[in-house]
Amino acid sequence: MFISSFRSHMALVTSPLGSLVFDANGCTRQYTLINAGQTNLLYILKCNNPNTYQFKPTEGLIAAGEVHNIEITRKV
């Protein structure tokens, strides 16, 4: 997943920090986006293999100091 920040005062922290591992038989994992900056951030998640992976939600606004949880499902 590629995440970019356009201004130095924006800070997007993710959890877990490493890679997410999915079972071959399908499963769901949680990914957390934390806005540690002082301004609001917008995000859009896109996948080059939407038949296998599903994201919920795929877009959103994270206010300064807020946390958003993303659910990523690997379909079989």
N, C-alpha and C. Protein backbone atom coordinates (compact mmCIF):
# COMPACT_ATOMS: atom_id res chain seq x y z
N MET A 1 0.85 -1.16 0.00
CA MET A 1 0.00 0.00 0.00
C MET A 1 0.90 1.23 0.00
N PHE A 2 0.62 2.19 -0.85
CA PHE A 2 1.41 3.40 -0.93
C PHE A 2 0.63 4.53 -0.28
N ILE A 3 1.27 5.20 0.65
CA ILE A 3 0.65 6.33 1.33
C ILE A 3 1.59 7.51 1.20
N SER A 4 1.07 8.64 0.75
CA SER A 4 1.95 9.80 0.60
C SER A 4 1.41 10.98 1.40
N SER A 5 2.31 11.83 1.79
CA SER A 5 1.97 13.03 2.53
C SER A 5 2.52 14.21 1.74
N PHE A 6 1.69 15.21 1.44
CA PHE A 6 2.11 16.30 0.59
C PHE A 6 2.73 17.47 1.35
N ARG A 7 2.50 17.56 2.63
CA ARG A 7 3.07 18.64 3.42
C ARG A 7 3.76 18.05 4.63
N SER A 8 4.81 18.70 5.06
CA SER A 8 5.60 18.15 6.16
C SER A 8 4.84 18.12 7.48
N HIS A 9 3.82 18.96 7.66
CA HIS A 9 3.09 18.97 8.92
C HIS A 9 1.99 17.90 8.96
N MET A 10 1.80 17.17 7.86
CA MET A 10 0.85 16.07 7.84
C MET A 10 1.56 14.80 8.29
N ALA A 11 0.91 14.03 9.12
CA ALA A 11 1.53 12.79 9.59
C ALA A 11 0.47 11.70 9.62
N LEU A 12 0.67 10.68 8.80
CA LEU A 12 -0.22 9.53 8.78
C LEU A 12 0.56 8.34 9.32
N VAL A 13 0.08 7.79 10.42
CA VAL A 13 0.72 6.64 11.05
C VAL A 13 -0.17 5.43 10.78
N THR A 14 0.44 4.29 10.48
CA THR A 14 -0.32 3.08 10.20
C THR A 14 0.01 1.99 11.21
N SER A 15 -0.95 1.13 11.43
CA SER A 15 -0.74 -0.01 12.32
C SER A 15 -1.50 -1.20 11.74
N PRO A 16 -0.90 -2.34 11.59
CA PRO A 16 0.46 -2.67 12.00
C PRO A 16 1.48 -2.01 11.07
N LEU A 17 2.71 -1.87 11.57
CA LEU A 17 3.75 -1.21 10.80
C LEU A 17 4.29 -2.07 9.66
N GLY A 18 4.30 -3.38 9.84
CA GLY A 18 4.84 -4.27 8.81
C GLY A 18 3.78 -4.69 7.82
N SER A 19 3.99 -5.80 7.20
CA SER A 19 3.07 -6.35 6.21
C SER A 19 1.90 -7.07 6.86
N LEU A 20 0.78 -7.09 6.17
CA LEU A 20 -0.35 -7.90 6.58
C LEU A 20 -0.25 -9.25 5.87
N VAL A 21 -0.48 -10.33 6.60
CA VAL A 21 -0.42 -11.67 6.03
C VAL A 21 -1.83 -12.23 5.99
N PHE A 22 -2.22 -12.76 4.82
CA PHE A 22 -3.56 -13.31 4.63
C PHE A 22 -3.48 -14.81 4.39
N ASP A 23 -4.44 -15.54 4.94
CA ASP A 23 -4.54 -16.98 4.70
C ASP A 23 -4.96 -17.21 3.25
N ALA A 24 -4.47 -18.28 2.65
CA ALA A 24 -4.82 -18.61 1.27
C ALA A 24 -6.31 -18.92 1.12
N ASN A 25 -6.94 -19.39 2.21
CA ASN A 25 -8.36 -19.74 2.18
C ASN A 25 -9.27 -18.54 2.40
N GLY A 26 -8.69 -17.36 2.53
CA GLY A 26 -9.48 -16.16 2.76
C GLY A 26 -9.55 -15.81 4.23
N CYS A 27 -9.54 -14.54 4.53
CA CYS A 27 -9.65 -14.06 5.91
C CYS A 27 -9.80 -12.54 5.88
N THR A 28 -10.01 -11.97 7.05
CA THR A 28 -10.15 -10.52 7.19
C THR A 28 -9.11 -10.02 8.18
N ARG A 29 -8.48 -8.91 7.85
CA ARG A 29 -7.49 -8.28 8.72
C ARG A 29 -7.88 -6.82 8.93
N GLN A 30 -7.42 -6.27 10.04
CA GLN A 30 -7.67 -4.86 10.36
C GLN A 30 -6.40 -4.05 10.11
N TYR A 31 -6.57 -2.87 9.56
CA TYR A 31 -5.47 -1.94 9.31
C TYR A 31 -5.93 -0.62 9.89
N THR A 32 -5.07 0.06 10.61
CA THR A 32 -5.45 1.29 11.29
C THR A 32 -4.69 2.47 10.70
N LEU A 33 -5.42 3.54 10.40
CA LEU A 33 -4.84 4.80 9.94
C LEU A 33 -5.00 5.82 11.06
N ILE A 34 -3.91 6.44 11.47
CA ILE A 34 -3.93 7.41 12.57
C ILE A 34 -3.42 8.74 12.03
N ASN A 35 -4.22 9.78 12.18
CA ASN A 35 -3.81 11.12 11.76
C ASN A 35 -3.12 11.79 12.94
N ALA A 36 -1.79 11.75 12.94
CA ALA A 36 -1.01 12.36 14.02
C ALA A 36 -0.66 13.81 13.71
N GLY A 37 -1.20 14.34 12.63
CA GLY A 37 -0.92 15.71 12.23
C GLY A 37 -1.92 16.70 12.80
N GLN A 38 -1.82 17.93 12.32
CA GLN A 38 -2.67 19.01 12.81
C GLN A 38 -3.75 19.42 11.81
N THR A 39 -3.80 18.75 10.67
CA THR A 39 -4.80 19.07 9.66
C THR A 39 -5.57 17.80 9.28
N ASN A 40 -6.72 17.98 8.67
CA ASN A 40 -7.51 16.84 8.21
C ASN A 40 -6.83 16.16 7.02
N LEU A 41 -7.02 14.85 6.91
CA LEU A 41 -6.48 14.08 5.79
C LEU A 41 -7.60 13.33 5.09
N LEU A 42 -7.56 13.30 3.78
CA LEU A 42 -8.47 12.48 2.98
C LEU A 42 -7.70 11.28 2.48
N TYR A 43 -8.37 10.13 2.40
CA TYR A 43 -7.71 8.96 1.84
C TYR A 43 -8.64 8.23 0.89
N ILE A 44 -8.04 7.59 -0.11
CA ILE A 44 -8.74 6.72 -1.05
C ILE A 44 -7.88 5.47 -1.20
N LEU A 45 -8.49 4.31 -1.01
CA LEU A 45 -7.78 3.04 -1.16
C LEU A 45 -8.16 2.41 -2.48
N LYS A 46 -7.16 2.01 -3.24
CA LYS A 46 -7.39 1.34 -4.52
C LYS A 46 -6.59 0.06 -4.54
N CYS A 47 -7.09 -0.92 -5.25
CA CYS A 47 -6.45 -2.23 -5.31
C CYS A 47 -6.36 -2.68 -6.76
N ASN A 48 -5.21 -3.24 -7.14
CA ASN A 48 -5.08 -3.72 -8.52
C ASN A 48 -5.62 -5.13 -8.69
N ASN A 49 -6.17 -5.71 -7.62
CA ASN A 49 -6.77 -7.05 -7.69
C ASN A 49 -8.08 -7.06 -6.88
N PRO A 50 -9.10 -6.30 -7.32
CA PRO A 50 -10.34 -6.19 -6.55
C PRO A 50 -11.16 -7.48 -6.49
N ASN A 51 -10.86 -8.44 -7.36
CA ASN A 51 -11.58 -9.72 -7.28
C ASN A 51 -11.10 -10.56 -6.10
N THR A 52 -9.92 -10.25 -5.58
CA THR A 52 -9.35 -11.01 -4.47
C THR A 52 -9.42 -10.25 -3.16
N TYR A 53 -9.23 -8.92 -3.19
CA TYR A 53 -9.19 -8.12 -1.97
C TYR A 53 -10.31 -7.09 -1.95
N GLN A 54 -10.90 -6.91 -0.78
CA GLN A 54 -11.97 -5.93 -0.60
C GLN A 54 -11.61 -5.05 0.60
N PHE A 55 -11.78 -3.73 0.44
CA PHE A 55 -11.49 -2.77 1.50
C PHE A 55 -12.78 -2.12 1.97
N LYS A 56 -12.92 -1.94 3.28
CA LYS A 56 -14.08 -1.22 3.84
C LYS A 56 -13.59 -0.32 4.96
N PRO A 57 -13.79 0.95 4.91
CA PRO A 57 -14.26 1.75 3.77
C PRO A 57 -13.12 1.97 2.78
N THR A 58 -13.47 2.40 1.58
CA THR A 58 -12.46 2.64 0.56
C THR A 58 -12.00 4.09 0.52
N GLU A 59 -12.69 4.95 1.22
CA GLU A 59 -12.31 6.36 1.27
C GLU A 59 -12.82 6.98 2.55
N GLY A 60 -12.22 8.09 2.92
CA GLY A 60 -12.69 8.75 4.13
C GLY A 60 -11.90 9.99 4.47
N LEU A 61 -12.36 10.66 5.49
CA LEU A 61 -11.73 11.86 6.04
C LEU A 61 -11.31 11.54 7.46
N ILE A 62 -10.04 11.78 7.76
CA ILE A 62 -9.54 11.57 9.12
C ILE A 62 -9.19 12.94 9.68
N ALA A 63 -9.94 13.39 10.66
CA ALA A 63 -9.66 14.67 11.30
C ALA A 63 -8.38 14.56 12.12
N ALA A 64 -7.78 15.68 12.42
CA ALA A 64 -6.54 15.71 13.21
C ALA A 64 -6.75 14.95 14.52
N GLY A 65 -5.85 14.02 14.81
CA GLY A 65 -5.92 13.23 16.04
C GLY A 65 -6.85 12.04 15.99
N GLU A 66 -7.58 11.85 14.90
CA GLU A 66 -8.53 10.73 14.81
C GLU A 66 -7.87 9.45 14.31
N VAL A 67 -8.56 8.34 14.57
CA VAL A 67 -8.12 7.02 14.15
C VAL A 67 -9.23 6.39 13.31
N HIS A 68 -8.87 5.79 12.17
CA HIS A 68 -9.83 5.07 11.33
C HIS A 68 -9.35 3.64 11.15
N ASN A 69 -10.26 2.70 11.31
CA ASN A 69 -9.95 1.29 11.10
C ASN A 69 -10.43 0.88 9.72
N ILE A 70 -9.57 0.19 9.00
CA ILE A 70 -9.87 -0.32 7.66
C ILE A 70 -9.95 -1.84 7.76
N GLU A 71 -10.98 -2.41 7.18
CA GLU A 71 -11.12 -3.87 7.13
C GLU A 71 -10.73 -4.34 5.74
N ILE A 72 -9.75 -5.24 5.68
CA ILE A 72 -9.28 -5.78 4.41
C ILE A 72 -9.61 -7.26 4.38
N THR A 73 -10.37 -7.68 3.38
CA THR A 73 -10.78 -9.07 3.27
C THR A 73 -10.17 -9.69 2.03
N ARG A 74 -9.58 -10.88 2.21
CA ARG A 74 -9.08 -11.66 1.07
C ARG A 74 -10.14 -12.70 0.74
N LYS A 75 -10.69 -12.59 -0.46
CA LYS A 75 -11.74 -13.51 -0.89
C LYS A 75 -11.11 -14.71 -1.59
N VAL A 76 -11.82 -15.82 -1.56
CA VAL A 76 -11.33 -17.03 -2.25
C VAL A 76 -12.10 -17.26 -3.52
